[in-house]
């Protein structure tokens, strides 16, 4: 990829007027923060420096990050720290369930760091957390945003599939399984070190085939991709059974991370959204500050209107 000139880089570092970060001062922001920290939990909102933390926490929603705050990979876009993680805490699933109850949430997104040091990639912790949440909160809307489970996809899918089968009848409600492809295949070596585009597609395809599960993915734009490459990825996602999609602007977390190659205008995001819906995606969020979990609960609220009460 050609290196931008100094003048071009100076222009790119100036955020356009449509990039706005809501710091949030609502009373629920503090309540959400106390529930998260009081239970010793991590959130991707903080660890990945999400620009929407103020807005989401003020709505009383958060994306809870399992398996610690240290990732075994070093992706060029991500602010989560890299290193040797501690062993999983067996009490973490219970602490998550306690925090969800304290926050009074109706929709939860569970994600995690990559744990390539674990034989199952951390799938057992996801499974235990899902079991506890759905057992104690059958009506809870639940979305998993998982890593690719490198070298253990089959085991991870089996572990989570068994949990869903063992749940009480009232808790067997639709679940969203998300995994973000993040960017186009050409940029993977630079953007997603340790990941493989085809591996991610395989995971999404397998998740989409699980009973009662909808598959979801997301891309960041502005890393040097072309429109044609983005549309090609969207078509492949649909072909692999993905029905929910998020598209957002890549924002550089620090000078150590990959530079922003271009700020994508709101009108371009709107055009991508129209194209995605024409391809058959049933739920699409596209915009400069959209992240994979941004307003994820909207999909559940819409679905619930068509379901019997829990």
C-alpha atoms as a PDB file:
ATOM      1  CA  UNK A   1       0.000   0.000   0.000  1.00  0.00           C
ATOM      2  CA  UNK A   2       1.552   3.385  -0.921  1.00  0.00           C
ATOM      3  CA  UNK A   3       2.609   5.612   1.941  1.00  0.00           C
ATOM      4  CA  UNK A   4       0.628   8.835   2.204  1.00  0.00           C
ATOM      5  CA  UNK A   5       2.491  12.103   1.805  1.00  0.00           C
ATOM      6  CA  UNK A   6       3.058  14.250   4.907  1.00  0.00           C
ATOM      7  CA  UNK A   7       0.476  16.788   3.670  1.00  0.00           C
ATOM      8  CA  UNK A   8      -2.092  14.077   3.060  1.00  0.00           C
ATOM      9  CA  UNK A   9      -1.523  12.581   6.502  1.00  0.00           C
ATOM     10  CA  UNK A  10      -1.982  15.999   8.102  1.00  0.00           C
ATOM     11  CA  UNK A  11      -5.318  16.354   6.349  1.00  0.00           C
ATOM     12  CA  UNK A  12      -6.462  12.856   7.338  1.00  0.00           C
ATOM     13  CA  UNK A  13      -5.681  13.435  11.006  1.00  0.00           C
ATOM     14  CA  UNK A  14      -8.211  16.285  11.047  1.00  0.00           C
ATOM     15  CA  UNK A  15     -11.511  14.599  11.852  1.00  0.00           C
ATOM     16  CA  UNK A  16     -14.405  15.781   9.676  1.00  0.00           C
ATOM     17  CA  UNK A  17     -17.428  17.499  11.113  1.00  0.00           C
ATOM     18  CA  UNK A  18     -19.591  14.354  11.038  1.00  0.00           C
ATOM     19  CA  UNK A  19     -17.349  12.568  13.563  1.00  0.00           C
ATOM     20  CA  UNK A  20     -18.784  13.332  16.981  1.00  0.00           C
ATOM     21  CA  UNK A  21     -18.052  11.540  20.232  1.00  0.00           C
ATOM     22  CA  UNK A  22     -20.780  11.634  22.871  1.00  0.00           C
ATOM     23  CA  UNK A  23     -19.118  11.542  26.289  1.00  0.00           C
ATOM     24  CA  UNK A  24     -22.437  11.071  28.046  1.00  0.00           C
ATOM     25  CA  UNK A  25     -23.433  12.622  31.357  1.00  0.00           C
ATOM     26  CA  UNK A  26     -26.695  10.777  31.966  1.00  0.00           C
ATOM     27  CA  UNK A  27     -27.258   9.386  35.455  1.00  0.00           C
ATOM     28  CA  UNK A  28     -27.333   5.829  34.095  1.00  0.00           C
ATOM     29  CA  UNK A  29     -23.730   6.222  32.917  1.00  0.00           C
ATOM     30  CA  UNK A  30     -22.555   6.185  36.532  1.00  0.00           C
ATOM     31  CA  UNK A  31     -24.822   3.278  37.464  1.00  0.00           C
ATOM     32  CA  UNK A  32     -23.541   1.197  34.560  1.00  0.00           C
ATOM     33  CA  UNK A  33     -19.948   2.055  35.419  1.00  0.00           C
ATOM     34  CA  UNK A  34     -20.427   1.059  39.068  1.00  0.00           C
ATOM     35  CA  UNK A  35     -22.036  -2.263  38.130  1.00  0.00           C
ATOM     36  CA  UNK A  36     -19.227  -3.127  35.718  1.00  0.00           C
ATOM     37  CA  UNK A  37     -16.375  -2.156  38.003  1.00  0.00           C
ATOM     38  CA  UNK A  38     -18.046  -3.391  41.170  1.00  0.00           C
ATOM     39  CA  UNK A  39     -18.152  -6.908  39.727  1.00  0.00           C
ATOM     40  CA  UNK A  40     -14.560  -6.787  38.507  1.00  0.00           C
ATOM     41  CA  UNK A  41     -15.545  -6.999  34.843  1.00  0.00           C
ATOM     42  CA  UNK A  42     -13.997  -5.666  31.665  1.00  0.00           C
ATOM     43  CA  UNK A  43     -15.837  -4.064  28.761  1.00  0.00           C
ATOM     44  CA  UNK A  44     -14.801  -3.618  25.162  1.00  0.00           C
ATOM     45  CA  UNK A  45     -16.247  -0.118  25.584  1.00  0.00           C
ATOM     46  CA  UNK A  46     -13.229   0.790  27.706  1.00  0.00           C
ATOM     47  CA  UNK A  47     -10.503  -1.567  26.558  1.00  0.00           C
ATOM     48  CA  UNK A  48     -11.016  -0.797  22.857  1.00  0.00           C
ATOM     49  CA  UNK A  49     -11.674   2.928  23.518  1.00  0.00           C
ATOM     50  CA  UNK A  50     -15.054   2.853  21.828  1.00  0.00           C
ATOM     51  CA  UNK A  51     -16.270   6.355  20.868  1.00  0.00           C
ATOM     52  CA  UNK A  52     -19.843   5.463  21.844  1.00  0.00           C
ATOM     53  CA  UNK A  53     -19.186   4.488  25.456  1.00  0.00           C
ATOM     54  CA  UNK A  54     -20.850   7.586  26.887  1.00  0.00           C
ATOM     55  CA  UNK A  55     -23.974   7.154  24.797  1.00  0.00           C
ATOM     56  CA  UNK A  56     -24.333   3.413  25.399  1.00  0.00           C
ATOM     57  CA  UNK A  57     -23.559   3.506  29.126  1.00  0.00           C
ATOM     58  CA  UNK A  58     -26.064   6.311  29.528  1.00  0.00           C
ATOM     59  CA  UNK A  59     -28.655   3.958  27.995  1.00  0.00           C
ATOM     60  CA  UNK A  60     -27.650   1.305  30.538  1.00  0.00           C
ATOM     61  CA  UNK A  61     -26.048  -1.013  27.984  1.00  0.00           C
ATOM     62  CA  UNK A  62     -22.519  -2.349  27.757  1.00  0.00           C
ATOM     63  CA  UNK A  63     -20.551  -4.985  25.873  1.00  0.00           C
ATOM     64  CA  UNK A  64     -18.985  -7.236  28.506  1.00  0.00           C
ATOM     65  CA  UNK A  65     -15.557  -8.659  27.720  1.00  0.00           C
ATOM     66  CA  UNK A  66     -14.797 -12.146  29.006  1.00  0.00           C
ATOM     67  CA  UNK A  67     -11.439 -13.841  29.675  1.00  0.00           C
ATOM     68  CA  UNK A  68      -9.550 -10.801  30.928  1.00  0.00           C
ATOM     69  CA  UNK A  69      -8.211  -7.660  29.287  1.00  0.00           C
ATOM     70  CA  UNK A  70      -5.077  -9.056  27.598  1.00  0.00           C
ATOM     71  CA  UNK A  71      -5.145 -10.428  24.048  1.00  0.00           C
ATOM     72  CA  UNK A  72      -2.745 -12.974  22.567  1.00  0.00           C
ATOM     73  CA  UNK A  73      -2.734 -11.154  19.224  1.00  0.00           C
ATOM     74  CA  UNK A  74      -1.650  -7.677  18.163  1.00  0.00           C
ATOM     75  CA  UNK A  75      -4.010  -6.446  15.467  1.00  0.00           C
ATOM     76  CA  UNK A  76      -2.982  -3.197  13.843  1.00  0.00           C
ATOM     77  CA  UNK A  77      -6.289  -1.442  14.562  1.00  0.00           C
ATOM     78  CA  UNK A  78      -7.052  -2.560  18.112  1.00  0.00           C
ATOM     79  CA  UNK A  79      -6.416  -0.719  21.389  1.00  0.00           C
ATOM     80  CA  UNK A  80      -6.781  -3.813  23.621  1.00  0.00           C
ATOM     81  CA  UNK A  81      -3.424  -4.616  25.206  1.00  0.00           C
ATOM     82  CA  UNK A  82      -1.370  -7.583  24.046  1.00  0.00           C
ATOM     83  CA  UNK A  83       0.617  -9.986  26.197  1.00  0.00           C
ATOM     84  CA  UNK A  84       0.449 -13.191  28.200  1.00  0.00           C
ATOM     85  CA  UNK A  85      -3.023 -13.395  29.752  1.00  0.00           C
ATOM     86  CA  UNK A  86      -3.825 -14.778  33.185  1.00  0.00           C
ATOM     87  CA  UNK A  87      -5.678 -18.057  33.513  1.00  0.00           C
ATOM     88  CA  UNK A  88      -9.480 -17.787  33.145  1.00  0.00           C
ATOM     89  CA  UNK A  89     -11.363 -16.977  36.337  1.00  0.00           C
ATOM     90  CA  UNK A  90     -13.914 -19.757  36.989  1.00  0.00           C
ATOM     91  CA  UNK A  91     -16.105 -17.261  38.877  1.00  0.00           C
ATOM     92  CA  UNK A  92     -16.331 -14.838  35.952  1.00  0.00           C
ATOM     93  CA  UNK A  93     -19.609 -16.211  34.488  1.00  0.00           C
ATOM     94  CA  UNK A  94     -21.324 -15.775  37.863  1.00  0.00           C
ATOM     95  CA  UNK A  95     -20.003 -12.227  38.208  1.00  0.00           C
ATOM     96  CA  UNK A  96     -21.333 -11.424  34.740  1.00  0.00           C
ATOM     97  CA  UNK A  97     -24.772 -12.753  35.698  1.00  0.00           C
ATOM     98  CA  UNK A  98     -24.707 -10.659  38.886  1.00  0.00           C
ATOM     99  CA  UNK A  99     -23.786  -7.512  36.967  1.00  0.00           C
ATOM    100  CA  UNK A 100     -26.543  -8.099  34.402  1.00  0.00           C
ATOM    101  CA  UNK A 101     -29.101  -8.446  37.201  1.00  0.00           C
ATOM    102  CA  UNK A 102     -27.818  -5.306  38.967  1.00  0.00           C
ATOM    103  CA  UNK A 103     -27.938  -3.282  35.743  1.00  0.00           C
ATOM    104  CA  UNK A 104     -31.428  -4.510  34.870  1.00  0.00           C
ATOM    105  CA  UNK A 105     -30.410  -5.244  31.291  1.00  0.00           C
ATOM    106  CA  UNK A 106     -32.738  -6.747  28.695  1.00  0.00           C
ATOM    107  CA  UNK A 107     -29.995  -7.276  26.092  1.00  0.00           C
ATOM    108  CA  UNK A 108     -26.372  -8.268  26.620  1.00  0.00           C
ATOM    109  CA  UNK A 109     -23.434  -8.529  24.235  1.00  0.00           C
ATOM    110  CA  UNK A 110     -20.660 -10.879  25.354  1.00  0.00           C
ATOM    111  CA  UNK A 111     -17.274 -10.624  23.703  1.00  0.00           C
ATOM    112  CA  UNK A 112     -13.706 -11.574  24.605  1.00  0.00           C
ATOM    113  CA  UNK A 113     -10.078 -11.098  23.795  1.00  0.00           C
ATOM    114  CA  UNK A 114      -8.382 -13.712  21.605  1.00  0.00           C
ATOM    115  CA  UNK A 115      -7.128 -16.543  23.813  1.00  0.00           C
ATOM    116  CA  UNK A 116      -4.951 -18.605  21.503  1.00  0.00           C
ATOM    117  CA  UNK A 117      -3.172 -19.883  24.621  1.00  0.00           C
ATOM    118  CA  UNK A 118      -6.223 -21.965  25.589  1.00  0.00           C
ATOM    119  CA  UNK A 119      -7.033 -25.316  24.008  1.00  0.00           C
ATOM    120  CA  UNK A 120     -10.664 -24.293  23.445  1.00  0.00           C
ATOM    121  CA  UNK A 121      -9.964 -20.609  22.786  1.00  0.00           C
ATOM    122  CA  UNK A 122     -12.095 -19.721  25.808  1.00  0.00           C
ATOM    123  CA  UNK A 123     -15.271 -21.346  24.470  1.00  0.00           C
ATOM    124  CA  UNK A 124     -16.023 -22.995  27.839  1.00  0.00           C
ATOM    125  CA  UNK A 125     -16.233 -19.598  29.537  1.00  0.00           C
ATOM    126  CA  UNK A 126     -18.626 -18.346  26.847  1.00  0.00           C
ATOM    127  CA  UNK A 127     -20.702 -21.505  27.281  1.00  0.00           C
ATOM    128  CA  UNK A 128     -20.860 -21.241  31.089  1.00  0.00           C
ATOM    129  CA  UNK A 129     -21.820 -17.571  30.883  1.00  0.00           C
ATOM    130  CA  UNK A 130     -24.583 -18.239  28.352  1.00  0.00           C
ATOM    131  CA  UNK A 131     -25.925 -21.070  30.504  1.00  0.00           C
ATOM    132  CA  UNK A 132     -26.082 -18.910  33.645  1.00  0.00           C
ATOM    133  CA  UNK A 133     -27.542 -15.875  31.896  1.00  0.00           C
ATOM    134  CA  UNK A 134     -30.246 -17.801  30.069  1.00  0.00           C
ATOM    135  CA  UNK A 135     -31.075 -19.972  33.105  1.00  0.00           C
ATOM    136  CA  UNK A 136     -31.601 -16.983  35.423  1.00  0.00           C
ATOM    137  CA  UNK A 137     -32.855 -14.520  32.785  1.00  0.00           C
ATOM    138  CA  UNK A 138     -34.821 -16.504  30.147  1.00  0.00           C
ATOM    139  CA  UNK A 139     -36.111 -13.348  28.444  1.00  0.00           C
ATOM    140  CA  UNK A 140     -32.641 -11.828  28.109  1.00  0.00           C
ATOM    141  CA  UNK A 141     -31.634 -10.902  24.573  1.00  0.00           C
ATOM    142  CA  UNK A 142     -28.155 -12.295  24.032  1.00  0.00           C
ATOM    143  CA  UNK A 143     -25.464 -11.670  21.455  1.00  0.00           C
ATOM    144  CA  UNK A 144     -22.082 -13.360  21.331  1.00  0.00           C
ATOM    145  CA  UNK A 145     -19.238 -11.503  19.642  1.00  0.00           C
ATOM    146  CA  UNK A 146     -16.548 -14.164  19.563  1.00  0.00           C
ATOM    147  CA  UNK A 147     -13.012 -14.514  18.241  1.00  0.00           C
ATOM    148  CA  UNK A 148     -12.354 -16.940  15.393  1.00  0.00           C
ATOM    149  CA  UNK A 149     -11.337 -19.772  17.784  1.00  0.00           C
ATOM    150  CA  UNK A 150      -8.195 -20.512  15.817  1.00  0.00           C
ATOM    151  CA  UNK A 151      -7.464 -24.270  15.661  1.00  0.00           C
ATOM    152  CA  UNK A 152     -10.562 -25.145  17.725  1.00  0.00           C
ATOM    153  CA  UNK A 153     -13.640 -23.949  15.832  1.00  0.00           C
ATOM    154  CA  UNK A 154     -15.366 -27.319  15.856  1.00  0.00           C
ATOM    155  CA  UNK A 155     -14.916 -27.698  19.623  1.00  0.00           C
ATOM    156  CA  UNK A 156     -16.148 -24.150  20.284  1.00  0.00           C
ATOM    157  CA  UNK A 157     -19.257 -24.627  18.146  1.00  0.00           C
ATOM    158  CA  UNK A 158     -19.991 -27.953  19.806  1.00  0.00           C
ATOM    159  CA  UNK A 159     -19.594 -26.505  23.322  1.00  0.00           C
ATOM    160  CA  UNK A 160     -21.991 -23.642  22.697  1.00  0.00           C
ATOM    161  CA  UNK A 161     -24.405 -25.834  20.765  1.00  0.00           C
ATOM    162  CA  UNK A 162     -24.629 -28.252  23.717  1.00  0.00           C
ATOM    163  CA  UNK A 163     -25.403 -25.391  26.096  1.00  0.00           C
ATOM    164  CA  UNK A 164     -28.292 -24.216  23.918  1.00  0.00           C
ATOM    165  CA  UNK A 165     -29.693 -27.756  23.767  1.00  0.00           C
ATOM    166  CA  UNK A 166     -29.515 -28.139  27.566  1.00  0.00           C
ATOM    167  CA  UNK A 167     -31.279 -24.879  28.401  1.00  0.00           C
ATOM    168  CA  UNK A 168     -34.790 -24.956  29.900  1.00  0.00           C
ATOM    169  CA  UNK A 169     -37.524 -24.694  27.281  1.00  0.00           C
ATOM    170  CA  UNK A 170     -38.359 -21.085  28.198  1.00  0.00           C
ATOM    171  CA  UNK A 171     -34.717 -20.026  27.777  1.00  0.00           C
ATOM    172  CA  UNK A 172     -34.283 -21.418  24.265  1.00  0.00           C
ATOM    173  CA  UNK A 173     -34.709 -18.094  22.549  1.00  0.00           C
ATOM    174  CA  UNK A 174     -32.991 -16.699  19.514  1.00  0.00           C
ATOM    175  CA  UNK A 175     -29.336 -15.848  19.923  1.00  0.00           C
ATOM    176  CA  UNK A 176     -27.102 -13.699  17.736  1.00  0.00           C
ATOM    177  CA  UNK A 177     -23.598 -15.026  17.097  1.00  0.00           C
ATOM    178  CA  UNK A 178     -21.335 -12.285  15.813  1.00  0.00           C
ATOM    179  CA  UNK A 179     -17.796 -12.454  14.524  1.00  0.00           C
ATOM    180  CA  UNK A 180     -16.252  -9.456  12.798  1.00  0.00           C
ATOM    181  CA  UNK A 181     -14.346  -9.921   9.568  1.00  0.00           C
ATOM    182  CA  UNK A 182     -13.218  -6.288  10.173  1.00  0.00           C
ATOM    183  CA  UNK A 183     -11.772  -5.563   6.715  1.00  0.00           C
ATOM    184  CA  UNK A 184     -11.314  -6.860   3.174  1.00  0.00           C
ATOM    185  CA  UNK A 185      -9.072  -9.900   2.478  1.00  0.00           C
ATOM    186  CA  UNK A 186      -6.305  -7.868   0.806  1.00  0.00           C
ATOM    187  CA  UNK A 187      -5.642  -5.961   4.054  1.00  0.00           C
ATOM    188  CA  UNK A 188      -5.731  -8.898   6.474  1.00  0.00           C
ATOM    189  CA  UNK A 189      -1.970  -9.329   6.864  1.00  0.00           C
ATOM    190  CA  UNK A 190      -1.625  -5.698   7.946  1.00  0.00           C
ATOM    191  CA  UNK A 191      -4.881  -5.243   9.872  1.00  0.00           C
ATOM    192  CA  UNK A 192      -5.678  -8.649  11.446  1.00  0.00           C
ATOM    193  CA  UNK A 193      -2.408 -10.387  12.312  1.00  0.00           C
ATOM    194  CA  UNK A 194      -2.971 -14.036  13.140  1.00  0.00           C
ATOM    195  CA  UNK A 195      -6.413 -14.097  11.504  1.00  0.00           C
ATOM    196  CA  UNK A 196      -7.517 -15.609   8.208  1.00  0.00           C
ATOM    197  CA  UNK A 197     -10.450 -14.320   6.177  1.00  0.00           C
ATOM    198  CA  UNK A 198     -11.605 -17.804   5.172  1.00  0.00           C
ATOM    199  CA  UNK A 199     -11.404 -18.998   8.767  1.00  0.00           C
ATOM    200  CA  UNK A 200     -13.715 -16.179   9.809  1.00  0.00           C
ATOM    201  CA  UNK A 201     -16.168 -17.033   7.039  1.00  0.00           C
ATOM    202  CA  UNK A 202     -16.127 -20.682   8.115  1.00  0.00           C
ATOM    203  CA  UNK A 203     -17.040 -19.725  11.682  1.00  0.00           C
ATOM    204  CA  UNK A 204     -19.880 -17.462  10.571  1.00  0.00           C
ATOM    205  CA  UNK A 205     -21.232 -20.094   8.218  1.00  0.00           C
ATOM    206  CA  UNK A 206     -21.222 -22.755  10.954  1.00  0.00           C
ATOM    207  CA  UNK A 207     -22.847 -20.381  13.462  1.00  0.00           C
ATOM    208  CA  UNK A 208     -25.603 -19.498  10.981  1.00  0.00           C
ATOM    209  CA  UNK A 209     -26.487 -23.188  10.674  1.00  0.00           C
ATOM    210  CA  UNK A 210     -27.085 -23.636  14.421  1.00  0.00           C
ATOM    211  CA  UNK A 211     -30.802 -23.834  15.335  1.00  0.00           C
ATOM    212  CA  UNK A 212     -32.160 -20.527  16.634  1.00  0.00           C
ATOM    213  CA  UNK A 213     -28.943 -18.608  15.864  1.00  0.00           C
ATOM    214  CA  UNK A 214     -28.517 -15.590  13.584  1.00  0.00           C
ATOM    215  CA  UNK A 215     -25.034 -14.733  12.322  1.00  0.00           C
ATOM    216  CA  UNK A 216     -23.713 -11.175  12.378  1.00  0.00           C
ATOM    217  CA  UNK A 217     -20.517  -9.480  11.220  1.00  0.00           C
ATOM    218  CA  UNK A 218     -18.932  -6.037  10.919  1.00  0.00           C
ATOM    219  CA  UNK A 219     -16.359  -4.115   8.911  1.00  0.00           C
ATOM    220  CA  UNK A 220     -14.337  -0.989   9.599  1.00  0.00           C
ATOM    221  CA  UNK A 221     -13.965   1.363   6.642  1.00  0.00           C
ATOM    222  CA  UNK A 222     -11.212   3.852   5.947  1.00  0.00           C
ATOM    223  CA  UNK A 223      -8.219   1.481   6.064  1.00  0.00           C
ATOM    224  CA  UNK A 224      -7.545   1.561   2.326  1.00  0.00           C
ATOM    225  CA  UNK A 225     -10.269  -0.727   0.994  1.00  0.00           C
ATOM    226  CA  UNK A 226     -12.127  -0.029  -2.255  1.00  0.00           C
ATOM    227  CA  UNK A 227     -15.890   0.059  -2.716  1.00  0.00           C
ATOM    228  CA  UNK A 228     -15.703  -2.997  -4.939  1.00  0.00           C
ATOM    229  CA  UNK A 229     -13.825  -4.925  -2.253  1.00  0.00           C
ATOM    230  CA  UNK A 230     -16.382  -3.983   0.413  1.00  0.00           C
ATOM    231  CA  UNK A 231     -19.318  -5.059  -1.749  1.00  0.00           C
ATOM    232  CA  UNK A 232     -17.560  -8.339  -2.543  1.00  0.00           C
ATOM    233  CA  UNK A 233     -17.180  -9.056   1.188  1.00  0.00           C
ATOM    234  CA  UNK A 234     -20.852  -8.249   1.806  1.00  0.00           C
ATOM    235  CA  UNK A 235     -21.878 -10.678  -0.913  1.00  0.00           C
ATOM    236  CA  UNK A 236     -19.693 -13.400   0.600  1.00  0.00           C
ATOM    237  CA  UNK A 237     -21.107 -12.784   4.068  1.00  0.00           C
ATOM    238  CA  UNK A 238     -24.645 -13.222   2.746  1.00  0.00           C
ATOM    239  CA  UNK A 239     -23.614 -16.357   0.872  1.00  0.00           C
ATOM    240  CA  UNK A 240     -22.340 -17.772   4.185  1.00  0.00           C
ATOM    241  CA  UNK A 241     -25.622 -17.126   5.986  1.00  0.00           C
ATOM    242  CA  UNK A 242     -24.857 -13.815   7.728  1.00  0.00           C
ATOM    243  CA  UNK A 243     -28.057 -11.793   8.177  1.00  0.00           C
ATOM    244  CA  UNK A 244     -26.953  -8.874  10.406  1.00  0.00           C
ATOM    245  CA  UNK A 245     -24.315  -6.310   9.508  1.00  0.00           C
ATOM    246  CA  UNK A 246     -22.539  -3.291  11.007  1.00  0.00           C
ATOM    247  CA  UNK A 247     -20.344  -0.867   9.045  1.00  0.00           C
ATOM    248  CA  UNK A 248     -18.376   1.911  10.744  1.00  0.00           C
ATOM    249  CA  UNK A 249     -15.435   4.261  10.346  1.00  0.00           C
ATOM    250  CA  UNK A 250     -12.021   3.121  11.566  1.00  0.00           C
ATOM    251  CA  UNK A 251     -10.669   5.607  14.118  1.00  0.00           C
ATOM    252  CA  UNK A 252      -7.010   5.383  15.049  1.00  0.00           C
ATOM    253  CA  UNK A 253      -6.683   4.658  18.800  1.00  0.00           C
ATOM    254  CA  UNK A 254      -3.098   5.982  19.044  1.00  0.00           C
ATOM    255  CA  UNK A 255      -0.033   6.892  16.982  1.00  0.00           C
ATOM    256  CA  UNK A 256       1.133   3.272  17.323  1.00  0.00           C
ATOM    257  CA  UNK A 257      -1.842   1.953  15.380  1.00  0.00           C
ATOM    258  CA  UNK A 258      -2.620   1.915  11.687  1.00  0.00           C
ATOM    259  CA  UNK A 259      -3.351   5.353  10.219  1.00  0.00           C
ATOM    260  CA  UNK A 260      -6.741   6.334   8.855  1.00  0.00           C
ATOM    261  CA  UNK A 261      -6.440   6.295   5.078  1.00  0.00           C
ATOM    262  CA  UNK A 262      -9.765   7.994   4.450  1.00  0.00           C
ATOM    263  CA  UNK A 263     -12.817   9.295   6.292  1.00  0.00           C
ATOM    264  CA  UNK A 264     -15.912   7.813   4.696  1.00  0.00           C
ATOM    265  CA  UNK A 265     -18.731  10.340   4.281  1.00  0.00           C
ATOM    266  CA  UNK A 266     -22.201   9.647   5.750  1.00  0.00           C
ATOM    267  CA  UNK A 267     -23.658   9.467   2.250  1.00  0.00           C
ATOM    268  CA  UNK A 268     -21.328   6.600   1.378  1.00  0.00           C
ATOM    269  CA  UNK A 269     -22.395   4.715   4.488  1.00  0.00           C
ATOM    270  CA  UNK A 270     -26.018   5.217   3.454  1.00  0.00           C
ATOM    271  CA  UNK A 271     -25.227   3.803   0.018  1.00  0.00           C
ATOM    272  CA  UNK A 272     -23.566   0.740   1.577  1.00  0.00           C
ATOM    273  CA  UNK A 273     -26.617   0.242   3.778  1.00  0.00           C
ATOM    274  CA  UNK A 274     -28.926   0.311   0.771  1.00  0.00           C
ATOM    275  CA  UNK A 275     -26.705  -2.150  -1.073  1.00  0.00           C
ATOM    276  CA  UNK A 276     -26.613  -4.482   1.941  1.00  0.00           C
ATOM    277  CA  UNK A 277     -30.386  -4.488   2.264  1.00  0.00           C
ATOM    278  CA  UNK A 278     -30.725  -5.226  -1.438  1.00  0.00           C
ATOM    279  CA  UNK A 279     -28.444  -8.234  -0.893  1.00  0.00           C
ATOM    280  CA  UNK A 280     -30.827  -9.543   1.749  1.00  0.00           C
ATOM    281  CA  UNK A 281     -29.343  -8.485   5.071  1.00  0.00           C
ATOM    282  CA  UNK A 282     -32.274  -8.165   7.465  1.00  0.00           C
ATOM    283  CA  UNK A 283     -30.611  -5.833   9.996  1.00  0.00           C
ATOM    284  CA  UNK A 284     -28.033  -3.205   8.999  1.00  0.00           C
ATOM    285  CA  UNK A 285     -26.339  -0.387  10.878  1.00  0.00           C
ATOM    286  CA  UNK A 286     -23.988   1.824   8.856  1.00  0.00           C
ATOM    287  CA  UNK A 287     -22.458   5.149   9.862  1.00  0.00           C
ATOM    288  CA  UNK A 288     -19.226   6.833  10.927  1.00  0.00           C
ATOM    289  CA  UNK A 289     -19.520   5.954  14.642  1.00  0.00           C
ATOM    290  CA  UNK A 290     -21.275   2.612  14.262  1.00  0.00           C
ATOM    291  CA  UNK A 291     -19.523  -0.277  16.001  1.00  0.00           C
ATOM    292  CA  UNK A 292     -20.482  -3.946  15.889  1.00  0.00           C
ATOM    293  CA  UNK A 293     -22.536  -3.760  19.110  1.00  0.00           C
ATOM    294  CA  UNK A 294     -23.968  -0.274  18.581  1.00  0.00           C
ATOM    295  CA  UNK A 295     -27.732  -0.354  19.244  1.00  0.00           C
ATOM    296  CA  UNK A 296     -27.639  -4.148  18.928  1.00  0.00           C
ATOM    297  CA  UNK A 297     -30.666  -4.304  21.219  1.00  0.00           C
ATOM    298  CA  UNK A 298     -32.792  -2.642  18.513  1.00  0.00           C
ATOM    299  CA  UNK A 299     -32.920  -5.925  16.645  1.00  0.00           C
ATOM    300  CA  UNK A 300     -34.216  -7.725  19.714  1.00  0.00           C
ATOM    301  CA  UNK A 301     -36.887  -5.116  20.375  1.00  0.00           C
ATOM    302  CA  UNK A 302     -38.109  -5.479  16.799  1.00  0.00           C
ATOM    303  CA  UNK A 303     -38.092  -9.273  16.983  1.00  0.00           C
ATOM    304  CA  UNK A 304     -39.948  -9.347  20.291  1.00  0.00           C
ATOM    305  CA  UNK A 305     -43.023  -7.730  18.784  1.00  0.00           C
ATOM    306  CA  UNK A 306     -43.544 -10.904  16.766  1.00  0.00           C
ATOM    307  CA  UNK A 307     -42.959 -13.381  19.620  1.00  0.00           C
ATOM    308  CA  UNK A 308     -44.991 -14.717  22.456  1.00  0.00           C
ATOM    309  CA  UNK A 309     -44.142 -13.231  25.870  1.00  0.00           C
ATOM    310  CA  UNK A 310     -41.247 -15.017  27.539  1.00  0.00           C
END
